[in-house]
Amino acid sequence: MKKSIIYFLFALLFSVSLSTFTGCREDKTAGEKIEEGIDDVGDGIEEGVEEIGDEIDDATDDL
């Protein structure tokens, strides 16, 4: 029983210490968040187009 309590307290202290590290992140403005989201979407579209192009090339090579 004591071991489980000790493990629980250790896990609790560990999670609290992790939250202090992640809590110090730099806050972004709404404009920065939107710009980052747009960049992510653009990157995803570019990757999708490249994949489709590769698939088309593979399909035409088989003919």
N, C-alpha and C. Protein backbone atom coordinates (compact mmCIF):
# COMPACT_ATOMS: atom_id res chain seq x y z
N MET A 1 0.83 -1.19 0.00
CA MET A 1 0.00 0.00 0.00
C MET A 1 0.87 1.26 0.00
N LYS A 2 1.97 1.22 0.78
CA LYS A 2 2.84 2.39 0.84
C LYS A 2 3.51 2.65 -0.51
N LYS A 3 3.88 1.57 -1.20
CA LYS A 3 4.53 1.75 -2.49
C LYS A 3 3.60 2.44 -3.49
N SER A 4 2.34 2.06 -3.48
CA SER A 4 1.41 2.67 -4.43
C SER A 4 1.22 4.16 -4.11
N ILE A 5 1.20 4.52 -2.85
CA ILE A 5 1.08 5.92 -2.47
C ILE A 5 2.33 6.70 -2.89
N ILE A 6 3.48 6.10 -2.70
CA ILE A 6 4.74 6.74 -3.08
C ILE A 6 4.78 6.92 -4.59
N TYR A 7 4.38 5.89 -5.34
CA TYR A 7 4.36 6.00 -6.80
C TYR A 7 3.39 7.08 -7.25
N PHE A 8 2.24 7.15 -6.60
CA PHE A 8 1.26 8.18 -6.94
C PHE A 8 1.82 9.57 -6.69
N LEU A 9 2.44 9.78 -5.54
CA LEU A 9 3.02 11.08 -5.23
C LEU A 9 4.15 11.43 -6.19
N PHE A 10 4.97 10.44 -6.53
CA PHE A 10 6.05 10.68 -7.48
C PHE A 10 5.50 11.08 -8.84
N ALA A 11 4.48 10.38 -9.31
CA ALA A 11 3.87 10.72 -10.60
C ALA A 11 3.23 12.10 -10.55
N LEU A 12 2.61 12.45 -9.43
CA LEU A 12 1.99 13.76 -9.28
C LEU A 12 3.04 14.87 -9.33
N LEU A 13 4.13 14.69 -8.59
CA LEU A 13 5.20 15.69 -8.59
C LEU A 13 5.85 15.80 -9.97
N PHE A 14 6.01 14.67 -10.65
CA PHE A 14 6.59 14.67 -11.98
C PHE A 14 5.70 15.44 -12.95
N SER A 15 4.40 15.21 -12.90
CA SER A 15 3.49 15.91 -13.82
C SER A 15 3.44 17.40 -13.50
N VAL A 16 3.54 17.77 -12.24
CA VAL A 16 3.55 19.19 -11.87
C VAL A 16 4.82 19.85 -12.39
N SER A 17 5.95 19.15 -12.28
CA SER A 17 7.20 19.73 -12.77
C SER A 17 7.17 19.88 -14.29
N LEU A 18 6.54 18.94 -15.00
CA LEU A 18 6.42 19.06 -16.46
C LEU A 18 5.53 20.24 -16.84
N SER A 19 4.49 20.46 -16.07
CA SER A 19 3.58 21.56 -16.40
C SER A 19 4.26 22.91 -16.23
N THR A 20 5.24 23.00 -15.35
CA THR A 20 5.96 24.27 -15.20
C THR A 20 6.82 24.55 -16.42
N PHE A 21 7.38 23.50 -17.02
CA PHE A 21 8.19 23.69 -18.22
C PHE A 21 7.33 24.08 -19.41
N THR A 22 6.19 23.45 -19.57
CA THR A 22 5.34 23.75 -20.71
C THR A 22 4.52 25.01 -20.49
N GLY A 23 4.38 25.46 -19.28
CA GLY A 23 3.61 26.65 -18.98
C GLY A 23 4.35 27.93 -19.33
N CYS A 24 5.62 27.85 -19.63
CA CYS A 24 6.43 29.04 -19.91
C CYS A 24 6.54 29.32 -21.40
N ARG A 25 5.63 28.78 -22.17
CA ARG A 25 5.69 29.00 -23.62
C ARG A 25 5.37 30.44 -23.94
N GLU A 26 5.89 30.88 -25.08
CA GLU A 26 5.62 32.23 -25.54
C GLU A 26 4.20 32.29 -26.11
N ASP A 27 3.45 33.26 -25.67
CA ASP A 27 2.08 33.41 -26.17
C ASP A 27 2.11 34.06 -27.55
N LYS A 28 1.29 33.54 -28.43
CA LYS A 28 1.21 34.07 -29.79
C LYS A 28 -0.04 34.92 -29.92
N THR A 29 0.04 35.91 -30.79
CA THR A 29 -1.13 36.72 -31.05
C THR A 29 -2.06 35.95 -31.98
N ALA A 30 -3.26 36.42 -32.11
CA ALA A 30 -4.23 35.76 -32.98
C ALA A 30 -3.75 35.77 -34.42
N GLY A 31 -3.14 36.86 -34.85
CA GLY A 31 -2.63 36.95 -36.22
C GLY A 31 -1.53 35.93 -36.48
N GLU A 32 -0.66 35.73 -35.50
CA GLU A 32 0.41 34.75 -35.65
C GLU A 32 -0.14 33.33 -35.73
N LYS A 33 -1.17 33.06 -34.93
CA LYS A 33 -1.79 31.73 -34.96
C LYS A 33 -2.46 31.47 -36.31
N ILE A 34 -3.14 32.49 -36.84
CA ILE A 34 -3.80 32.35 -38.14
C ILE A 34 -2.76 32.13 -39.23
N GLU A 35 -1.68 32.92 -39.19
CA GLU A 35 -0.63 32.80 -40.20
C GLU A 35 0.00 31.41 -40.15
N GLU A 36 0.25 30.91 -38.97
CA GLU A 36 0.83 29.58 -38.83
C GLU A 36 -0.12 28.51 -39.35
N GLY A 37 -1.40 28.66 -39.07
CA GLY A 37 -2.40 27.71 -39.58
C GLY A 37 -2.47 27.71 -41.09
N ILE A 38 -2.42 28.89 -41.68
CA ILE A 38 -2.45 28.99 -43.14
C ILE A 38 -1.21 28.34 -43.75
N ASP A 39 -0.06 28.57 -43.13
CA ASP A 39 1.17 27.94 -43.62
C ASP A 39 1.09 26.41 -43.54
N ASP A 40 0.52 25.90 -42.44
CA ASP A 40 0.37 24.45 -42.29
C ASP A 40 -0.54 23.88 -43.37
N VAL A 41 -1.65 24.57 -43.64
CA VAL A 41 -2.58 24.10 -44.67
C VAL A 41 -1.90 24.13 -46.04
N GLY A 42 -1.16 25.20 -46.31
CA GLY A 42 -0.45 25.30 -47.58
C GLY A 42 0.57 24.18 -47.75
N ASP A 43 1.29 23.86 -46.67
CA ASP A 43 2.26 22.76 -46.73
C ASP A 43 1.56 21.43 -46.99
N GLY A 44 0.42 21.25 -46.36
CA GLY A 44 -0.34 20.01 -46.57
C GLY A 44 -0.83 19.87 -48.00
N ILE A 45 -1.27 20.98 -48.58
CA ILE A 45 -1.73 20.95 -49.98
C ILE A 45 -0.57 20.63 -50.91
N GLU A 46 0.58 21.25 -50.68
CA GLU A 46 1.75 20.98 -51.51
C GLU A 46 2.16 19.50 -51.44
N GLU A 47 2.15 18.94 -50.24
CA GLU A 47 2.49 17.52 -50.09
C GLU A 47 1.48 16.64 -50.81
N GLY A 48 0.20 16.99 -50.72
CA GLY A 48 -0.83 16.21 -51.39
C GLY A 48 -0.68 16.25 -52.90
N VAL A 49 -0.36 17.42 -53.43
CA VAL A 49 -0.17 17.55 -54.87
C VAL A 49 1.03 16.72 -55.33
N GLU A 50 2.10 16.75 -54.55
CA GLU A 50 3.28 15.95 -54.89
C GLU A 50 2.96 14.45 -54.89
N GLU A 51 2.19 14.02 -53.89
CA GLU A 51 1.82 12.60 -53.81
C GLU A 51 0.96 12.20 -55.01
N ILE A 52 0.01 13.04 -55.36
CA ILE A 52 -0.85 12.74 -56.51
C ILE A 52 -0.02 12.69 -57.79
N GLY A 53 0.92 13.64 -57.93
CA GLY A 53 1.81 13.62 -59.09
C GLY A 53 2.62 12.35 -59.17
N ASP A 54 3.12 11.89 -58.04
CA ASP A 54 3.87 10.64 -58.00
C ASP A 54 2.99 9.46 -58.41
N GLU A 55 1.75 9.46 -57.93
CA GLU A 55 0.83 8.37 -58.27
C GLU A 55 0.53 8.38 -59.77
N ILE A 56 0.35 9.55 -60.34
CA ILE A 56 0.09 9.66 -61.77
C ILE A 56 1.30 9.15 -62.56
N ASP A 57 2.48 9.55 -62.14
CA ASP A 57 3.70 9.08 -62.81
C ASP A 57 3.82 7.56 -62.73
N ASP A 58 3.52 7.00 -61.57
CA ASP A 58 3.58 5.55 -61.41
C ASP A 58 2.56 4.85 -62.32
N ALA A 59 1.36 5.42 -62.40
CA ALA A 59 0.31 4.82 -63.22
C ALA A 59 0.66 4.89 -64.70
N THR A 60 1.26 6.00 -65.14
CA THR A 60 1.60 6.10 -66.56
C THR A 60 2.81 5.26 -66.90
N ASP A 61 3.68 5.00 -65.94
CA ASP A 61 4.84 4.13 -66.18
C ASP A 61 4.38 2.68 -66.42
N ASP A 62 3.29 2.28 -65.78
CA ASP A 62 2.79 0.91 -65.90
C ASP A 62 2.16 0.66 -67.27
N LEU A 63 1.75 1.72 -67.95
CA LEU A 63 1.07 1.54 -69.23
C LEU A 63 2.05 1.25 -70.29
